[in-house]
PDB file of N, CA and C in Angstrom:
ATOM      1  N   MET A   1      69.812 107.414 130.002  1.00  0.00           N
ATOM      2  CA  MET A   1      69.534 106.496 128.951  1.00  0.00           C
ATOM      3  C   MET A   1      69.548 107.276 127.606  1.00  0.00           C
ATOM      4  N   GLY A   2      70.309 106.706 126.659  1.00  0.00           N
ATOM      5  CA  GLY A   2      70.369 107.353 125.302  1.00  0.00           C
ATOM      6  C   GLY A   2      69.212 107.145 124.556  1.00  0.00           C
ATOM      7  N   LEU A   3      69.104 107.899 123.490  1.00  0.00           N
ATOM      8  CA  LEU A   3      67.887 107.784 122.527  1.00  0.00           C
ATOM      9  C   LEU A   3      67.817 106.430 121.945  1.00  0.00           C
ATOM     10  N   LEU A   4      68.872 105.808 121.498  1.00  0.00           N
ATOM     11  CA  LEU A   4      68.834 104.440 120.977  1.00  0.00           C
ATOM     12  C   LEU A   4      68.387 103.415 121.989  1.00  0.00           C
ATOM     13  N   ASP A   5      68.855 103.523 123.164  1.00  0.00           N
ATOM     14  CA  ASP A   5      68.458 102.616 124.266  1.00  0.00           C
ATOM     15  C   ASP A   5      66.942 102.727 124.523  1.00  0.00           C
ATOM     16  N   GLU A   6      66.481 104.037 124.532  1.00  0.00           N
ATOM     17  CA  GLU A   6      65.098 104.296 124.714  1.00  0.00           C
ATOM     18  C   GLU A   6      64.205 103.751 123.646  1.00  0.00           C
ATOM     19  N   LEU A   7      64.630 103.846 122.349  1.00  0.00           N
ATOM     20  CA  LEU A   7      63.906 103.320 121.210  1.00  0.00           C
ATOM     21  C   LEU A   7      63.844 101.727 121.301  1.00  0.00           C
ATOM     22  N   ASN A   8      64.951 101.167 121.626  1.00  0.00           N
ATOM     23  CA  ASN A   8      65.080  99.693 121.700  1.00  0.00           C
ATOM     24  C   ASN A   8      64.219  99.093 122.796  1.00  0.00           C
ATOM     25  N   CYS A   9      64.008  99.855 123.874  1.00  0.00           N
ATOM     26  CA  CYS A   9      63.273  99.390 125.061  1.00  0.00           C
ATOM     27  C   CYS A   9      61.752  99.646 124.934  1.00  0.00           C
ATOM     28  N   LYS A  10      61.394 100.494 124.010  1.00  0.00           N
ATOM     29  CA  LYS A  10      60.022 100.865 123.682  1.00  0.00           C
ATOM     30  C   LYS A  10      59.163  99.575 123.452  1.00  0.00           C
ATOM     31  N   PRO A  11      58.078  99.354 124.071  1.00  0.00           N
ATOM     32  CA  PRO A  11      57.266  98.113 123.858  1.00  0.00           C
ATOM     33  C   PRO A  11      56.630  98.226 122.494  1.00  0.00           C
ATOM     34  N   PHE A  12      56.413  96.988 121.864  1.00  0.00           N
ATOM     35  CA  PHE A  12      55.663  96.902 120.651  1.00  0.00           C
ATOM     36  C   PHE A  12      54.212  97.271 120.906  1.00  0.00           C
ATOM     37  N   LYS A  13      53.494  97.678 119.845  1.00  0.00           N
ATOM     38  CA  LYS A  13      52.097  98.023 119.992  1.00  0.00           C
ATOM     39  C   LYS A  13      51.209  96.815 119.948  1.00  0.00           C
ATOM     40  N   LYS A  14      51.505  95.869 119.032  1.00  0.00           N
ATOM     41  CA  LYS A  14      50.627  94.651 118.841  1.00  0.00           C
ATOM     42  C   LYS A  14      51.274  93.362 119.319  1.00  0.00           C
ATOM     43  N   LEU A  15      52.508  93.383 119.687  1.00  0.00           N
ATOM     44  CA  LEU A  15      53.232  92.133 120.150  1.00  0.00           C
ATOM     45  C   LEU A  15      53.771  92.359 121.579  1.00  0.00           C
ATOM     46  N   GLU A  16      54.053  91.262 122.252  1.00  0.00           N
ATOM     47  CA  GLU A  16      54.704  91.344 123.538  1.00  0.00           C
ATOM     48  C   GLU A  16      56.149  91.684 123.402  1.00  0.00           C
ATOM     49  N   GLY A  17      56.672  92.412 124.328  1.00  0.00           N
ATOM     50  CA  GLY A  17      58.096  92.749 124.369  1.00  0.00           C
ATOM     51  C   GLY A  17      58.479  93.948 123.579  1.00  0.00           C
ATOM     52  N   SER A  18      59.796  94.000 123.360  1.00  0.00           N
ATOM     53  CA  SER A  18      60.438  95.174 122.612  1.00  0.00           C
ATOM     54  C   SER A  18      61.543  94.618 121.713  1.00  0.00           C
ATOM     55  N   CYS A  19      62.138  95.504 120.948  1.00  0.00           N
ATOM     56  CA  CYS A  19      63.307  95.119 120.170  1.00  0.00           C
ATOM     57  C   CYS A  19      64.409  94.548 120.978  1.00  0.00           C
ATOM     58  N   LEU A  20      64.675  95.078 122.119  1.00  0.00           N
ATOM     59  CA  LEU A  20      65.757  94.622 122.935  1.00  0.00           C
ATOM     60  C   LEU A  20      65.475  93.228 123.462  1.00  0.00           C
ATOM     61  N   SER A  21      64.168  92.990 123.985  1.00  0.00           N
ATOM     62  CA  SER A  21      63.800  91.726 124.480  1.00  0.00           C
ATOM     63  C   SER A  21      63.845  90.661 123.431  1.00  0.00           C
ATOM     64  N   LEU A  22      63.453  90.940 122.162  1.00  0.00           N
ATOM     65  CA  LEU A  22      63.523  89.939 121.071  1.00  0.00           C
ATOM     66  C   LEU A  22      65.047  89.668 120.732  1.00  0.00           C
ATOM     67  N   PHE A  23      65.776  90.667 120.784  1.00  0.00           N
ATOM     68  CA  PHE A  23      67.283  90.511 120.512  1.00  0.00           C
ATOM     69  C   PHE A  23      67.811  89.580 121.569  1.00  0.00           C
ATOM     70  N   GLU A  24      67.549  89.815 122.863  1.00  0.00           N
ATOM     71  CA  GLU A  24      68.117  89.011 123.906  1.00  0.00           C
ATOM     72  C   GLU A  24      67.597  87.558 123.848  1.00  0.00           C
ATOM     73  N   GLU A  25      66.355  87.411 123.341  1.00  0.00           N
ATOM     74  CA  GLU A  25      65.822  86.026 123.349  1.00  0.00           C
ATOM     75  C   GLU A  25      66.140  85.240 122.089  1.00  0.00           C
ATOM     76  N   ILE A  26      66.217  85.869 120.999  1.00  0.00           N
ATOM     77  CA  ILE A  26      66.407  85.110 119.659  1.00  0.00           C
ATOM     78  C   ILE A  26      67.761  85.353 119.102  1.00  0.00           C
ATOM     79  N   ASP A  27      68.185  86.529 118.890  1.00  0.00           N
ATOM     80  CA  ASP A  27      69.411  86.777 118.114  1.00  0.00           C
ATOM     81  C   ASP A  27      70.723  86.589 118.968  1.00  0.00           C
ATOM     82  N   LYS A  28      70.753  87.070 120.205  1.00  0.00           N
ATOM     83  CA  LYS A  28      71.902  86.959 120.989  1.00  0.00           C
ATOM     84  C   LYS A  28      72.472  85.566 121.245  1.00  0.00           C
ATOM     85  N   PRO A  29      71.571  84.628 121.482  1.00  0.00           N
ATOM     86  CA  PRO A  29      72.088  83.271 121.572  1.00  0.00           C
ATOM     87  C   PRO A  29      72.712  82.618 120.306  1.00  0.00           C
ATOM     88  N   ALA A  30      72.266  83.172 119.169  1.00  0.00           N
ATOM     89  CA  ALA A  30      72.752  82.633 117.868  1.00  0.00           C
ATOM     90  C   ALA A  30      74.026  83.292 117.417  1.00  0.00           C
ATOM     91  N   LEU A  31      74.456  84.358 118.070  1.00  0.00           N
ATOM     92  CA  LEU A  31      75.708  85.053 117.668  1.00  0.00           C
ATOM     93  C   LEU A  31      76.895  84.234 117.897  1.00  0.00           C
ATOM     94  N   ARG A  32      77.894  84.293 116.955  1.00  0.00           N
ATOM     95  CA  ARG A  32      79.143  83.605 117.097  1.00  0.00           C
ATOM     96  C   ARG A  32      80.315  84.615 117.106  1.00  0.00           C
ATOM     97  N   PRO A  33      81.419  84.272 117.651  1.00  0.00           N
ATOM     98  CA  PRO A  33      82.503  85.267 117.670  1.00  0.00           C
ATOM     99  C   PRO A  33      83.033  85.610 116.296  1.00  0.00           C
ATOM    100  N   LEU A  34      83.662  86.750 116.150  1.00  0.00           N
ATOM    101  CA  LEU A  34      84.196  87.121 114.857  1.00  0.00           C
ATOM    102  C   LEU A  34      85.371  86.166 114.548  1.00  0.00           C
ATOM    103  N   PRO A  35      85.731  86.057 113.278  1.00  0.00           N
ATOM    104  CA  PRO A  35      86.833  85.219 112.867  1.00  0.00           C
ATOM    105  C   PRO A  35      88.110  85.824 113.403  1.00  0.00           C
ATOM    106  N   THR A  36      89.144  84.993 113.715  1.00  0.00           N
ATOM    107  CA  THR A  36      90.418  85.464 114.226  1.00  0.00           C
ATOM    108  C   THR A  36      91.253  86.104 113.184  1.00  0.00           C
ATOM    109  N   VAL A  37      91.051  85.663 111.864  1.00  0.00           N
ATOM    110  CA  VAL A  37      91.886  86.161 110.713  1.00  0.00           C
ATOM    111  C   VAL A  37      90.958  87.099 109.986  1.00  0.00           C
ATOM    112  N   ALA A  38      91.450  88.345 109.698  1.00  0.00           N
ATOM    113  CA  ALA A  38      90.643  89.272 108.878  1.00  0.00           C
ATOM    114  C   ALA A  38      90.477  88.734 107.422  1.00  0.00           C
ATOM    115  N   TYR A  39      89.330  89.109 106.864  1.00  0.00           N
ATOM    116  CA  TYR A  39      89.008  88.769 105.481  1.00  0.00           C
ATOM    117  C   TYR A  39      90.070  89.431 104.514  1.00  0.00           C
ATOM    118  N   GLU A  40      90.537  88.708 103.555  1.00  0.00           N
ATOM    119  CA  GLU A  40      91.440  89.271 102.620  1.00  0.00           C
ATOM    120  C   GLU A  40      90.934  89.223 101.202  1.00  0.00           C
ATOM    121  N   PHE A  41      90.647  90.378 100.575  1.00  0.00           N
ATOM    122  CA  PHE A  41      90.028  90.444  99.300  1.00  0.00           C
ATOM    123  C   PHE A  41      91.043  89.926  98.236  1.00  0.00           C
ATOM    124  N   ALA A  42      90.597  89.111  97.270  1.00  0.00           N
ATOM    125  CA  ALA A  42      91.443  88.540  96.212  1.00  0.00           C
ATOM    126  C   ALA A  42      90.761  88.653  94.872  1.00  0.00           C
ATOM    127  N   TRP A  43      91.594  88.890  93.853  1.00  0.00           N
ATOM    128  CA  TRP A  43      91.156  88.903  92.494  1.00  0.00           C
ATOM    129  C   TRP A  43      91.376  87.549  91.820  1.00  0.00           C
ATOM    130  N   TRP A  44      90.581  87.133  90.859  1.00  0.00           N
ATOM    131  CA  TRP A  44      90.807  85.916  90.137  1.00  0.00           C
ATOM    132  C   TRP A  44      90.883  86.224  88.711  1.00  0.00           C
ATOM    133  N   ARG A  45      91.846  85.613  88.029  1.00  0.00           N
ATOM    134  CA  ARG A  45      92.030  85.769  86.544  1.00  0.00           C
ATOM    135  C   ARG A  45      92.442  84.417  85.929  1.00  0.00           C
ATOM    136  N   GLN A  46      92.405  84.338  84.744  1.00  0.00           N
ATOM    137  CA  GLN A  46      92.974  83.117  83.977  1.00  0.00           C
ATOM    138  C   GLN A  46      94.120  83.642  83.249  1.00  0.00           C
ATOM    139  N   ALA A  47      95.184  82.849  83.170  1.00  0.00           N
ATOM    140  CA  ALA A  47      96.435  83.208  82.374  1.00  0.00           C
ATOM    141  C   ALA A  47      96.906  81.941  81.638  1.00  0.00           C
ATOM    142  N   ARG A  48      97.430  82.168  80.489  1.00  0.00           N
ATOM    143  CA  ARG A  48      98.029  81.030  79.702  1.00  0.00           C
ATOM    144  C   ARG A  48      99.469  81.071  80.003  1.00  0.00           C
ATOM    145  N   VAL A  49     100.110  79.915  80.270  1.00  0.00           N
ATOM    146  CA  VAL A  49     101.440  79.697  80.516  1.00  0.00           C
ATOM    147  C   VAL A  49     102.180  79.708  79.177  1.00  0.00           C
ATOM    148  N   SER A  50     103.112  80.649  79.018  1.00  0.00           N
ATOM    149  CA  SER A  50     103.854  80.781  77.788  1.00  0.00           C
ATOM    150  C   SER A  50     105.062  79.692  77.737  1.00  0.00           C
ATOM    151  N   VAL A  51     105.683  79.615  76.589  1.00  0.00           N
ATOM    152  CA  VAL A  51     106.722  78.655  76.456  1.00  0.00           C
ATOM    153  C   VAL A  51     107.986  78.858  77.314  1.00  0.00           C
ATOM    154  N   ASP A  52     108.125  80.061  77.877  1.00  0.00           N
ATOM    155  CA  ASP A  52     109.170  80.350  78.885  1.00  0.00           C
ATOM    156  C   ASP A  52     108.700  80.055  80.311  1.00  0.00           C
ATOM    157  N   TYR A  53     107.633  79.415  80.523  1.00  0.00           N
ATOM    158  CA  TYR A  53     107.135  78.975  81.813  1.00  0.00           C
ATOM    159  C   TYR A  53     106.706  80.144  82.746  1.00  0.00           C
ATOM    160  N   HIS A  54     106.226  81.189  82.140  1.00  0.00           N
ATOM    161  CA  HIS A  54     105.830  82.375  82.879  1.00  0.00           C
ATOM    162  C   HIS A  54     104.338  82.787  82.527  1.00  0.00           C
ATOM    163  N   ILE A  55     103.736  83.401  83.552  1.00  0.00           N
ATOM    164  CA  ILE A  55     102.386  84.016  83.331  1.00  0.00           C
ATOM    165  C   ILE A  55     102.418  85.463  83.628  1.00  0.00           C
ATOM    166  N   ALA A  56     101.690  86.265  83.013  1.00  0.00           N
ATOM    167  CA  ALA A  56     101.619  87.702  83.286  1.00  0.00           C
ATOM    168  C   ALA A  56     100.432  88.056  84.130  1.00  0.00           C
ATOM    169  N   VAL A  57     100.658  88.672  85.243  1.00  0.00           N
ATOM    170  CA  VAL A  57      99.561  89.125  86.138  1.00  0.00           C
ATOM    171  C   VAL A  57      99.783  90.569  86.513  1.00  0.00           C
ATOM    172  N   GLU A  58      98.860  91.445  86.097  1.00  0.00           N
ATOM    173  CA  GLU A  58      98.905  92.886  86.341  1.00  0.00           C
ATOM    174  C   GLU A  58     100.291  93.458  85.999  1.00  0.00           C
ATOM    175  N   GLY A  59     100.822  93.020  84.864  1.00  0.00           N
ATOM    176  CA  GLY A  59     102.032  93.643  84.370  1.00  0.00           C
ATOM    177  C   GLY A  59     103.378  93.032  84.918  1.00  0.00           C
ATOM    178  N   CYS A  60     103.216  92.010  85.835  1.00  0.00           N
ATOM    179  CA  CYS A  60     104.392  91.370  86.388  1.00  0.00           C
ATOM    180  C   CYS A  60     104.353  89.876  85.891  1.00  0.00           C
ATOM    181  N   TYR A  61     105.539  89.313  85.849  1.00  0.00           N
ATOM    182  CA  TYR A  61     105.682  87.920  85.342  1.00  0.00           C
ATOM    183  C   TYR A  61     106.012  87.053  86.521  1.00  0.00           C
ATOM    184  N   TYR A  62     105.411  85.807  86.545  1.00  0.00           N
ATOM    185  CA  TYR A  62     105.579  84.892  87.614  1.00  0.00           C
ATOM    186  C   TYR A  62     105.918  83.491  86.886  1.00  0.00           C
ATOM    187  N   SER A  63     106.898  82.762  87.381  1.00  0.00           N
ATOM    188  CA  SER A  63     107.280  81.477  86.839  1.00  0.00           C
ATOM    189  C   SER A  63     106.304  80.409  87.448  1.00  0.00           C
ATOM    190  N   VAL A  64     106.053  79.391  86.644  1.00  0.00           N
ATOM    191  CA  VAL A  64     105.213  78.218  87.043  1.00  0.00           C
ATOM    192  C   VAL A  64     106.010  76.972  86.506  1.00  0.00           C
ATOM    193  N   PRO A  65     105.639  75.753  87.028  1.00  0.00           N
ATOM    194  CA  PRO A  65     106.334  74.585  86.556  1.00  0.00           C
ATOM    195  C   PRO A  65     106.201  74.470  85.060  1.00  0.00           C
ATOM    196  N   TYR A  66     107.254  73.877  84.444  1.00  0.00           N
ATOM    197  CA  TYR A  66     107.303  73.737  82.946  1.00  0.00           C
ATOM    198  C   TYR A  66     106.168  72.758  82.491  1.00  0.00           C
ATOM    199  N   THR A  67     105.737  71.917  83.335  1.00  0.00           N
ATOM    200  CA  THR A  67     104.719  70.886  82.943  1.00  0.00           C
ATOM    201  C   THR A  67     103.365  71.655  82.546  1.00  0.00           C
ATOM    202  N   LEU A  68     103.250  72.850  82.961  1.00  0.00           N
ATOM    203  CA  LEU A  68     101.990  73.640  82.607  1.00  0.00           C
ATOM    204  C   LEU A  68     102.139  74.477  81.366  1.00  0.00           C
ATOM    205  N   THR A  69     103.214  74.396  80.644  1.00  0.00           N
ATOM    206  CA  THR A  69     103.415  75.161  79.423  1.00  0.00           C
ATOM    207  C   THR A  69     102.246  74.937  78.474  1.00  0.00           C
ATOM    208  N   LYS A  70     101.757  76.115  77.994  1.00  0.00           N
ATOM    209  CA  LYS A  70     100.609  76.181  76.993  1.00  0.00           C
ATOM    210  C   LYS A  70      99.284  75.870  77.629  1.00  0.00           C
ATOM    211  N   GLU A  71      99.230  75.730  78.922  1.00  0.00           N
ATOM    212  CA  GLU A  71      97.932  75.336  79.617  1.00  0.00           C
ATOM    213  C   GLU A  71      97.288  76.733  80.177  1.00  0.00           C
ATOM    214  N   THR A  72      96.083  76.798  80.388  1.00  0.00           N
ATOM    215  CA  THR A  72      95.442  77.953  81.077  1.00  0.00           C
ATOM    216  C   THR A  72      95.295  77.582  82.550  1.00  0.00           C
ATOM    217  N   VAL A  73      95.790  78.502  83.420  1.00  0.00           N
ATOM    218  CA  VAL A  73      95.701  78.353  84.852  1.00  0.00           C
ATOM    219  C   VAL A  73      94.865  79.417  85.462  1.00  0.00           C
ATOM    220  N   ASP A  74      94.267  79.099  86.573  1.00  0.00           N
ATOM    221  CA  ASP A  74      93.553  80.133  87.381  1.00  0.00           C
ATOM    222  C   ASP A  74      94.572  80.802  88.271  1.00  0.00           C
ATOM    223  N   VAL A  75      94.492  82.116  88.352  1.00  0.00           N
ATOM    224  CA  VAL A  75      95.411  82.908  89.118  1.00  0.00           C
ATOM    225  C   VAL A  75      94.621  83.671  90.206  1.00  0.00           C
ATOM    226  N   ARG A  76      95.020  83.503  91.459  1.00  0.00           N
ATOM    227  CA  ARG A  76      94.396  84.268  92.554  1.00  0.00           C
ATOM    228  C   ARG A  76      95.482  85.141  93.024  1.00  0.00           C
ATOM    229  N   PHE A  77      95.090  86.475  93.189  1.00  0.00           N
ATOM    230  CA  PHE A  77      96.177  87.400  93.721  1.00  0.00           C
ATOM    231  C   PHE A  77      95.496  88.341  94.687  1.00  0.00           C
ATOM    232  N   THR A  78      96.320  88.674  95.756  1.00  0.00           N
ATOM    233  CA  THR A  78      95.902  89.623  96.696  1.00  0.00           C
ATOM    234  C   THR A  78      96.991  90.743  96.726  1.00  0.00           C
ATOM    235  N   ASP A  79      97.002  91.571  97.730  1.00  0.00           N
ATOM    236  CA  ASP A  79      97.994  92.592  97.867  1.00  0.00           C
ATOM    237  C   ASP A  79      99.345  91.952  98.230  1.00  0.00           C
ATOM    238  N   GLN A  80      99.350  90.729  98.776  1.00  0.00           N
ATOM    239  CA  GLN A  80     100.640  90.098  99.169  1.00  0.00           C
ATOM    240  C   GLN A  80     100.896  88.841  98.508  1.00  0.00           C
ATOM    241  N   ILE A  81      99.966  88.090  98.012  1.00  0.00           N
ATOM    242  CA  ILE A  81     100.266  86.746  97.487  1.00  0.00           C
ATOM    243  C   ILE A  81      99.709  86.572  96.074  1.00  0.00           C
ATOM    244  N   VAL A  82     100.425  85.819  95.250  1.00  0.00           N
ATOM    245  CA  VAL A  82      99.920  85.463  93.996  1.00  0.00           C
ATOM    246  C   VAL A  82      99.908  83.919  93.945  1.00  0.00           C
ATOM    247  N   GLY A  83      98.868  83.295  93.646  1.00  0.00           N
ATOM    248  CA  GLY A  83      98.732  81.836  93.590  1.00  0.00           C
ATOM    249  C   GLY A  83      98.195  81.362  92.291  1.00  0.00           C
ATOM    250  N   THR A  84      98.600  80.303  91.788  1.00  0.00           N
ATOM    251  CA  THR A  84      98.055  79.699  90.582  1.00  0.00           C
ATOM    252  C   THR A  84      97.533  78.364  90.774  1.00  0.00           C
ATOM    253  N   ARG A  85      96.540  77.931  90.024  1.00  0.00           N
ATOM    254  CA  ARG A  85      95.929  76.652  90.264  1.00  0.00           C
ATOM    255  C   ARG A  85      95.590  76.138  88.853  1.00  0.00           C
ATOM    256  N   SER A  86      95.957  74.874  88.712  1.00  0.00           N
ATOM    257  CA  SER A  86      95.524  74.092  87.506  1.00  0.00           C
ATOM    258  C   SER A  86      94.987  72.702  88.046  1.00  0.00           C
ATOM    259  N   ILE A  87      94.452  71.949  87.166  1.00  0.00           N
ATOM    260  CA  ILE A  87      93.809  70.698  87.602  1.00  0.00           C
ATOM    261  C   ILE A  87      94.874  69.911  88.264  1.00  0.00           C
ATOM    262  N   GLY A  88      94.674  69.591  89.567  1.00  0.00           N
ATOM    263  CA  GLY A  88      95.624  68.687  90.302  1.00  0.00           C
ATOM    264  C   GLY A  88      96.890  69.374  90.729  1.00  0.00           C
ATOM    265  N   TRP A  89      96.986  70.771  90.678  1.00  0.00           N
ATOM    266  CA  TRP A  89      98.241  71.423  91.042  1.00  0.00           C
ATOM    267  C   TRP A  89      97.942  72.751  91.534  1.00  0.00           C
ATOM    268  N   THR A  90      98.701  73.147  92.674  1.00  0.00           N
ATOM    269  CA  THR A  90      98.535  74.444  93.312  1.00  0.00           C
ATOM    270  C   THR A  90      99.874  74.993  93.690  1.00  0.00           C
ATOM    271  N   GLN A  91     100.104  76.354  93.503  1.00  0.00           N
ATOM    272  CA  GLN A  91     101.353  77.036  93.866  1.00  0.00           C
ATOM    273  C   GLN A  91     101.014  78.393  94.429  1.00  0.00           C
ATOM    274  N   GLN A  92     101.698  78.820  95.475  1.00  0.00           N
ATOM    275  CA  GLN A  92     101.622  80.196  95.959  1.00  0.00           C
ATOM    276  C   GLN A  92     103.047  80.748  96.038  1.00  0.00           C
ATOM    277  N   THR A  93     103.122  82.008  95.610  1.00  0.00           N
ATOM    278  CA  THR A  93     104.416  82.745  95.680  1.00  0.00           C
ATOM    279  C   THR A  93     104.216  84.029  96.398  1.00  0.00           C
TER     280      THR A  93
END
């Protein structure tokens, strides 16, 4: 038996049971499986759409629909995807 197992099985001084018995009784039934898709970190910025229908994100330019000209849009970007969002409109490239 390893040191960690020994510590977890050691009985409490003032309560019934041990860390392991409380884990088995309370925590283990409440555990859920890990998500199937890994978490992907994303950055959020705001950008103003210029008259040529482009926004600048981290030094690169992305086109958006002309109807958003001169509007401010929310931009979400990850290592692989850049997405823009305005009221009632969403695009991912």
